[in-house]
Amino acid sequence: MRYRTCMLAAGLLIGAAGVHFGSTASADDGWTTLLDSTHKGDWTEVGKANWEMKDGALTADKLQGKDLDYLVSKNSYKDFQIRAEFWVDSAANSGIFIRCDKSDAIDGKICYEVNIFDTRPDPKYGTGAIVDVAKVEPMPKAAGKWNTYEITAKGSHLTVVLNGEKTADVDDSKHASGPIALQYGSGVVKFRKVQIKPL
């Protein structure tokens, strides 16, 4: 009897654990974390910057060469949402590149570039804009604080939301699918979390 009671208790514990882990999995609701405050994640680097985990964020403040640096995802994505938490200083030039046509040579001509660049000479395509595709006016400022980008690509429809405010909403079909990339160009750039959810 004691053996049967122990087996029953063990079964109940296993069942409870299954319910717990099942609810945790469903709470993620399809989101994949590409980097967070504890690990850099798995990226291919194009160019070279001094990326390192520092105080709970992936941080760079220097190029180690003349070319801009990109951390490129291993996977390609077609329709998706991105949530990204980032911090930049006023001198920063960064961005999130999506649907890149290639993974070994990243730029704004072969990807959509969701910009992070408060001091861009032409502010219409600065922070909050999709460079050469969707202007932002007035341009919001991101420097000196933690920000959240929510980027959605579904078919030809692209939207960008910065800190809860929509900054870009456009239809464009130049780039259909491809990897995403995080850019380092100048200043101090930190990414604390990047998640993606296929649609």
C-alpha atoms as a PDB file:
ATOM      1  CA  MET A   1       0.000   0.000   0.000  1.00  0.00           C
ATOM      2  CA  ARG A   2       2.805   2.357   0.892  1.00  0.00           C
ATOM      3  CA  TYR A   3       4.448   1.654  -2.507  1.00  0.00           C
ATOM      4  CA  ARG A   4       1.194   2.418  -4.355  1.00  0.00           C
ATOM      5  CA  THR A   5       0.768   5.644  -2.374  1.00  0.00           C
ATOM      6  CA  CYS A   6       4.329   6.733  -3.250  1.00  0.00           C
ATOM      7  CA  MET A   7       3.772   5.919  -6.918  1.00  0.00           C
ATOM      8  CA  LEU A   8       0.512   7.891  -6.915  1.00  0.00           C
ATOM      9  CA  ALA A   9       2.234  10.895  -5.287  1.00  0.00           C
ATOM     10  CA  ALA A  10       5.078  10.711  -7.825  1.00  0.00           C
ATOM     11  CA  GLY A  11       2.573  10.581 -10.652  1.00  0.00           C
ATOM     12  CA  LEU A  12       0.763  13.635  -9.323  1.00  0.00           C
ATOM     13  CA  LEU A  13       4.048  15.566  -9.052  1.00  0.00           C
ATOM     14  CA  ILE A  14       5.025  14.659 -12.615  1.00  0.00           C
ATOM     15  CA  GLY A  15       1.586  15.686 -13.829  1.00  0.00           C
ATOM     16  CA  ALA A  16       1.819  19.003 -12.002  1.00  0.00           C
ATOM     17  CA  ALA A  17       5.256  19.616 -13.488  1.00  0.00           C
ATOM     18  CA  GLY A  18       3.857  18.895 -16.929  1.00  0.00           C
ATOM     19  CA  VAL A  19       1.090  21.446 -16.425  1.00  0.00           C
ATOM     20  CA  HIS A  20       3.614  24.028 -15.176  1.00  0.00           C
ATOM     21  CA  PHE A  21       6.043  23.597 -18.057  1.00  0.00           C
ATOM     22  CA  GLY A  22       3.180  23.505 -20.543  1.00  0.00           C
ATOM     23  CA  SER A  23       1.862  26.855 -19.343  1.00  0.00           C
ATOM     24  CA  THR A  24       5.359  28.345 -19.470  1.00  0.00           C
ATOM     25  CA  ALA A  25       5.745  27.248 -23.072  1.00  0.00           C
ATOM     26  CA  SER A  26       2.360  28.652 -24.075  1.00  0.00           C
ATOM     27  CA  ALA A  27       3.116  31.942 -22.290  1.00  0.00           C
ATOM     28  CA  ASP A  28       5.971  32.508 -24.730  1.00  0.00           C
ATOM     29  CA  ASP A  29       3.340  32.421 -27.492  1.00  0.00           C
ATOM     30  CA  GLY A  30       5.752  31.608 -30.289  1.00  0.00           C
ATOM     31  CA  TRP A  31       8.483  34.119 -29.403  1.00  0.00           C
ATOM     32  CA  THR A  32      12.122  33.069 -29.847  1.00  0.00           C
ATOM     33  CA  THR A  33      14.731  34.970 -27.833  1.00  0.00           C
ATOM     34  CA  LEU A  34      17.779  35.764 -29.993  1.00  0.00           C
ATOM     35  CA  LEU A  35      19.636  37.530 -27.181  1.00  0.00           C
ATOM     36  CA  ASP A  36      18.885  38.578 -23.638  1.00  0.00           C
ATOM     37  CA  SER A  37      20.594  39.999 -20.567  1.00  0.00           C
ATOM     38  CA  THR A  38      22.524  36.772 -19.900  1.00  0.00           C
ATOM     39  CA  HIS A  39      23.770  35.642 -23.311  1.00  0.00           C
ATOM     40  CA  LYS A  40      24.774  37.116 -26.647  1.00  0.00           C
ATOM     41  CA  GLY A  41      23.018  34.482 -28.732  1.00  0.00           C
ATOM     42  CA  ASP A  42      24.196  32.858 -31.940  1.00  0.00           C
ATOM     43  CA  TRP A  43      25.035  35.399 -34.653  1.00  0.00           C
ATOM     44  CA  THR A  44      27.362  35.608 -37.644  1.00  0.00           C
ATOM     45  CA  GLU A  45      29.453  38.774 -37.443  1.00  0.00           C
ATOM     46  CA  VAL A  46      30.024  40.790 -40.619  1.00  0.00           C
ATOM     47  CA  GLY A  47      32.662  43.421 -39.865  1.00  0.00           C
ATOM     48  CA  LYS A  48      34.184  43.703 -36.415  1.00  0.00           C
ATOM     49  CA  ALA A  49      33.219  45.633 -33.289  1.00  0.00           C
ATOM     50  CA  ASN A  50      34.056  45.078 -29.623  1.00  0.00           C
ATOM     51  CA  TRP A  51      30.723  43.461 -28.670  1.00  0.00           C
ATOM     52  CA  GLU A  52      30.673  42.106 -25.113  1.00  0.00           C
ATOM     53  CA  MET A  53      28.138  41.309 -22.423  1.00  0.00           C
ATOM     54  CA  LYS A  54      28.335  44.125 -19.879  1.00  0.00           C
ATOM     55  CA  ASP A  55      25.889  44.902 -17.060  1.00  0.00           C
ATOM     56  CA  GLY A  56      23.137  42.763 -18.570  1.00  0.00           C
ATOM     57  CA  ALA A  57      23.380  44.065 -22.131  1.00  0.00           C
ATOM     58  CA  LEU A  58      25.292  43.252 -25.297  1.00  0.00           C
ATOM     59  CA  THR A  59      27.399  46.384 -25.742  1.00  0.00           C
ATOM     60  CA  ALA A  60      29.745  47.864 -28.352  1.00  0.00           C
ATOM     61  CA  ASP A  61      31.505  51.227 -28.421  1.00  0.00           C
ATOM     62  CA  LYS A  62      34.264  50.786 -30.988  1.00  0.00           C
ATOM     63  CA  LEU A  63      34.761  49.471 -34.515  1.00  0.00           C
ATOM     64  CA  GLN A  64      37.790  47.273 -35.006  1.00  0.00           C
ATOM     65  CA  GLY A  65      38.235  48.167 -38.658  1.00  0.00           C
ATOM     66  CA  LYS A  66      36.887  50.675 -41.165  1.00  0.00           C
ATOM     67  CA  ASP A  67      33.675  48.827 -42.085  1.00  0.00           C
ATOM     68  CA  LEU A  68      30.431  48.992 -40.135  1.00  0.00           C
ATOM     69  CA  ASP A  69      29.642  45.907 -38.058  1.00  0.00           C
ATOM     70  CA  TYR A  70      26.581  43.650 -38.189  1.00  0.00           C
ATOM     71  CA  LEU A  71      25.437  40.711 -36.091  1.00  0.00           C
ATOM     72  CA  VAL A  72      23.451  38.583 -38.547  1.00  0.00           C
ATOM     73  CA  SER A  73      20.909  35.955 -37.517  1.00  0.00           C
ATOM     74  CA  LYS A  74      21.543  32.341 -38.521  1.00  0.00           C
ATOM     75  CA  ASN A  75      17.937  31.913 -39.688  1.00  0.00           C
ATOM     76  CA  SER A  76      15.948  33.704 -42.357  1.00  0.00           C
ATOM     77  CA  TYR A  77      12.490  35.127 -41.710  1.00  0.00           C
ATOM     78  CA  LYS A  78       9.618  36.116 -44.004  1.00  0.00           C
ATOM     79  CA  ASP A  79       6.631  37.346 -41.960  1.00  0.00           C
ATOM     80  CA  PHE A  80       7.384  38.156 -38.333  1.00  0.00           C
ATOM     81  CA  GLN A  81       7.314  40.490 -35.354  1.00  0.00           C
ATOM     82  CA  ILE A  82      10.453  41.684 -33.558  1.00  0.00           C
ATOM     83  CA  ARG A  83      10.668  43.095 -30.053  1.00  0.00           C
ATOM     84  CA  ALA A  84      14.027  44.698 -29.263  1.00  0.00           C
ATOM     85  CA  GLU A  85      15.202  46.627 -26.205  1.00  0.00           C
ATOM     86  CA  PHE A  86      18.125  48.969 -26.884  1.00  0.00           C
ATOM     87  CA  TRP A  87      20.076  51.872 -25.404  1.00  0.00           C
ATOM     88  CA  VAL A  88      22.254  54.313 -27.364  1.00  0.00           C
ATOM     89  CA  ASP A  89      24.160  57.491 -26.637  1.00  0.00           C
ATOM     90  CA  SER A  90      23.750  60.662 -28.695  1.00  0.00           C
ATOM     91  CA  ALA A  91      26.664  59.778 -31.004  1.00  0.00           C
ATOM     92  CA  ALA A  92      25.316  56.322 -31.879  1.00  0.00           C
ATOM     93  CA  ASN A  93      24.628  55.068 -35.377  1.00  0.00           C
ATOM     94  CA  SER A  94      22.830  51.739 -35.234  1.00  0.00           C
ATOM     95  CA  GLY A  95      19.759  49.973 -36.536  1.00  0.00           C
ATOM     96  CA  ILE A  96      17.909  46.723 -37.038  1.00  0.00           C
ATOM     97  CA  PHE A  97      18.092  45.361 -40.562  1.00  0.00           C
ATOM     98  CA  ILE A  98      15.370  42.978 -41.724  1.00  0.00           C
ATOM     99  CA  ARG A  99      14.693  40.690 -44.710  1.00  0.00           C
ATOM    100  CA  CYS A 100      18.271  40.967 -45.950  1.00  0.00           C
ATOM    101  CA  ASP A 101      18.813  39.513 -49.428  1.00  0.00           C
ATOM    102  CA  LYS A 102      22.236  38.178 -48.381  1.00  0.00           C
ATOM    103  CA  SER A 103      23.870  37.307 -45.072  1.00  0.00           C
ATOM    104  CA  ASP A 104      27.511  38.088 -45.833  1.00  0.00           C
ATOM    105  CA  ALA A 105      27.316  41.733 -46.961  1.00  0.00           C
ATOM    106  CA  ILE A 106      24.722  43.807 -45.114  1.00  0.00           C
ATOM    107  CA  ASP A 107      23.573  47.315 -46.042  1.00  0.00           C
ATOM    108  CA  GLY A 108      20.450  49.404 -46.559  1.00  0.00           C
ATOM    109  CA  LYS A 109      20.216  48.505 -50.238  1.00  0.00           C
ATOM    110  CA  ILE A 110      19.740  44.775 -49.716  1.00  0.00           C
ATOM    111  CA  CYS A 111      17.726  44.984 -46.450  1.00  0.00           C
ATOM    112  CA  TYR A 112      15.102  47.148 -44.852  1.00  0.00           C
ATOM    113  CA  GLU A 113      16.949  49.331 -42.321  1.00  0.00           C
ATOM    114  CA  VAL A 114      14.941  50.312 -39.246  1.00  0.00           C
ATOM    115  CA  ASN A 115      17.169  53.150 -38.151  1.00  0.00           C
ATOM    116  CA  ILE A 116      18.600  54.176 -34.766  1.00  0.00           C
ATOM    117  CA  PHE A 117      20.456  57.391 -35.583  1.00  0.00           C
ATOM    118  CA  ASP A 118      19.424  60.538 -33.665  1.00  0.00           C
ATOM    119  CA  THR A 119      22.027  62.736 -35.399  1.00  0.00           C
ATOM    120  CA  ARG A 120      21.465  61.588 -38.979  1.00  0.00           C
ATOM    121  CA  PRO A 121      22.053  64.603 -41.280  1.00  0.00           C
ATOM    122  CA  ASP A 122      18.656  63.961 -42.936  1.00  0.00           C
ATOM    123  CA  PRO A 123      16.402  63.317 -39.925  1.00  0.00           C
ATOM    124  CA  LYS A 124      13.474  62.165 -42.098  1.00  0.00           C
ATOM    125  CA  TYR A 125      15.207  58.784 -42.238  1.00  0.00           C
ATOM    126  CA  GLY A 126      16.688  58.880 -38.727  1.00  0.00           C
ATOM    127  CA  THR A 127      15.503  57.059 -35.606  1.00  0.00           C
ATOM    128  CA  GLY A 128      12.110  55.442 -36.142  1.00  0.00           C
ATOM    129  CA  ALA A 129      12.266  55.480 -39.942  1.00  0.00           C
ATOM    130  CA  ILE A 130      12.837  52.725 -42.492  1.00  0.00           C
ATOM    131  CA  VAL A 131      15.678  54.212 -44.527  1.00  0.00           C
ATOM    132  CA  ASP A 132      14.649  55.257 -48.066  1.00  0.00           C
ATOM    133  CA  VAL A 133      11.250  53.551 -47.588  1.00  0.00           C
ATOM    134  CA  ALA A 134       9.278  55.232 -44.768  1.00  0.00           C
ATOM    135  CA  LYS A 135      10.050  58.718 -43.432  1.00  0.00           C
ATOM    136  CA  VAL A 136       9.479  59.813 -39.851  1.00  0.00           C
ATOM    137  CA  GLU A 137       8.491  63.376 -38.966  1.00  0.00           C
ATOM    138  CA  PRO A 138       9.167  64.623 -36.416  1.00  0.00           C
ATOM    139  CA  MET A 139      11.984  62.226 -35.645  1.00  0.00           C
ATOM    140  CA  PRO A 140      11.915  60.854 -32.083  1.00  0.00           C
ATOM    141  CA  LYS A 141      15.084  60.774 -29.992  1.00  0.00           C
ATOM    142  CA  ALA A 142      16.332  57.530 -28.463  1.00  0.00           C
ATOM    143  CA  ALA A 143      19.605  58.585 -26.826  1.00  0.00           C
ATOM    144  CA  GLY A 144      20.242  58.192 -23.125  1.00  0.00           C
ATOM    145  CA  LYS A 145      17.389  55.833 -22.225  1.00  0.00           C
ATOM    146  CA  TRP A 146      16.165  52.285 -22.749  1.00  0.00           C
ATOM    147  CA  ASN A 147      13.857  51.997 -25.743  1.00  0.00           C
ATOM    148  CA  THR A 148      11.676  49.277 -27.221  1.00  0.00           C
ATOM    149  CA  TYR A 149      11.237  48.684 -30.939  1.00  0.00           C
ATOM    150  CA  GLU A 150       8.327  46.600 -32.187  1.00  0.00           C
ATOM    151  CA  ILE A 151       8.812  45.806 -35.862  1.00  0.00           C
ATOM    152  CA  THR A 152       6.235  43.885 -37.904  1.00  0.00           C
ATOM    153  CA  ALA A 153       6.681  42.559 -41.450  1.00  0.00           C
ATOM    154  CA  LYS A 154       3.686  40.775 -42.964  1.00  0.00           C
ATOM    155  CA  GLY A 155       3.655  40.450 -46.709  1.00  0.00           C
ATOM    156  CA  SER A 156       4.434  43.879 -48.125  1.00  0.00           C
ATOM    157  CA  HIS A 157       3.156  45.676 -45.014  1.00  0.00           C
ATOM    158  CA  LEU A 158       5.844  46.989 -42.645  1.00  0.00           C
ATOM    159  CA  THR A 159       5.240  48.812 -39.370  1.00  0.00           C
ATOM    160  CA  VAL A 160       7.589  50.220 -36.746  1.00  0.00           C
ATOM    161  CA  VAL A 161       6.564  51.174 -33.200  1.00  0.00           C
ATOM    162  CA  LEU A 162       9.061  52.929 -30.922  1.00  0.00           C
ATOM    163  CA  ASN A 163       8.178  53.094 -27.222  1.00  0.00           C
ATOM    164  CA  GLY A 164       4.492  52.570 -28.001  1.00  0.00           C
ATOM    165  CA  GLU A 165       4.312  55.222 -30.762  1.00  0.00           C
ATOM    166  CA  LYS A 166       3.986  54.164 -34.403  1.00  0.00           C
ATOM    167  CA  THR A 167       6.762  55.789 -36.437  1.00  0.00           C
ATOM    168  CA  ALA A 168       6.472  53.950 -39.769  1.00  0.00           C
ATOM    169  CA  ASP A 169       3.608  52.259 -41.607  1.00  0.00           C
ATOM    170  CA  VAL A 170       4.232  51.425 -45.254  1.00  0.00           C
ATOM    171  CA  ASP A 171       3.738  48.896 -48.030  1.00  0.00           C
ATOM    172  CA  ASP A 172       6.869  47.885 -49.902  1.00  0.00           C
ATOM    173  CA  SER A 173       7.824  44.626 -51.621  1.00  0.00           C
ATOM    174  CA  LYS A 174      11.521  45.013 -52.457  1.00  0.00           C
ATOM    175  CA  HIS A 175      12.659  42.425 -49.902  1.00  0.00           C
ATOM    176  CA  ALA A 176      10.539  39.350 -49.220  1.00  0.00           C
ATOM    177  CA  SER A 177      12.566  37.369 -46.681  1.00  0.00           C
ATOM    178  CA  GLY A 178      16.014  36.900 -45.198  1.00  0.00           C
ATOM    179  CA  PRO A 179      18.025  37.153 -41.985  1.00  0.00           C
ATOM    180  CA  ILE A 180      17.887  40.089 -39.591  1.00  0.00           C
ATOM    181  CA  ALA A 181      20.946  42.023 -38.414  1.00  0.00           C
ATOM    182  CA  LEU A 182      21.914  44.349 -35.564  1.00  0.00           C
ATOM    183  CA  GLN A 183      24.211  47.192 -36.612  1.00  0.00           C
ATOM    184  CA  TYR A 184      27.053  48.919 -34.852  1.00  0.00           C
ATOM    185  CA  GLY A 185      28.324  52.051 -36.587  1.00  0.00           C
ATOM    186  CA  SER A 186      29.432  54.530 -33.903  1.00  0.00           C
ATOM    187  CA  GLY A 187      28.894  55.740 -30.362  1.00  0.00           C
ATOM    188  CA  VAL A 188      27.688  53.413 -27.610  1.00  0.00           C
ATOM    189  CA  VAL A 189      25.100  50.786 -28.567  1.00  0.00           C
ATOM    190  CA  LYS A 190      23.483  48.271 -26.210  1.00  0.00           C
ATOM    191  CA  PHE A 191      20.916  45.561 -26.856  1.00  0.00           C
ATOM    192  CA  ARG A 192      19.290  44.051 -23.754  1.00  0.00           C
ATOM    193  CA  LYS A 193      16.766  41.759 -25.447  1.00  0.00           C
ATOM    194  CA  VAL A 194      15.868  40.791 -29.020  1.00  0.00           C
ATOM    195  CA  GLN A 195      12.959  38.438 -29.704  1.00  0.00           C
ATOM    196  CA  ILE A 196      11.281  37.329 -32.919  1.00  0.00           C
ATOM    197  CA  LYS A 197       7.960  35.637 -33.623  1.00  0.00           C
ATOM    198  CA  PRO A 198       7.121  34.176 -37.045  1.00  0.00           C
ATOM    199  CA  LEU A 199       3.642  35.132 -38.298  1.00  0.00           C
END
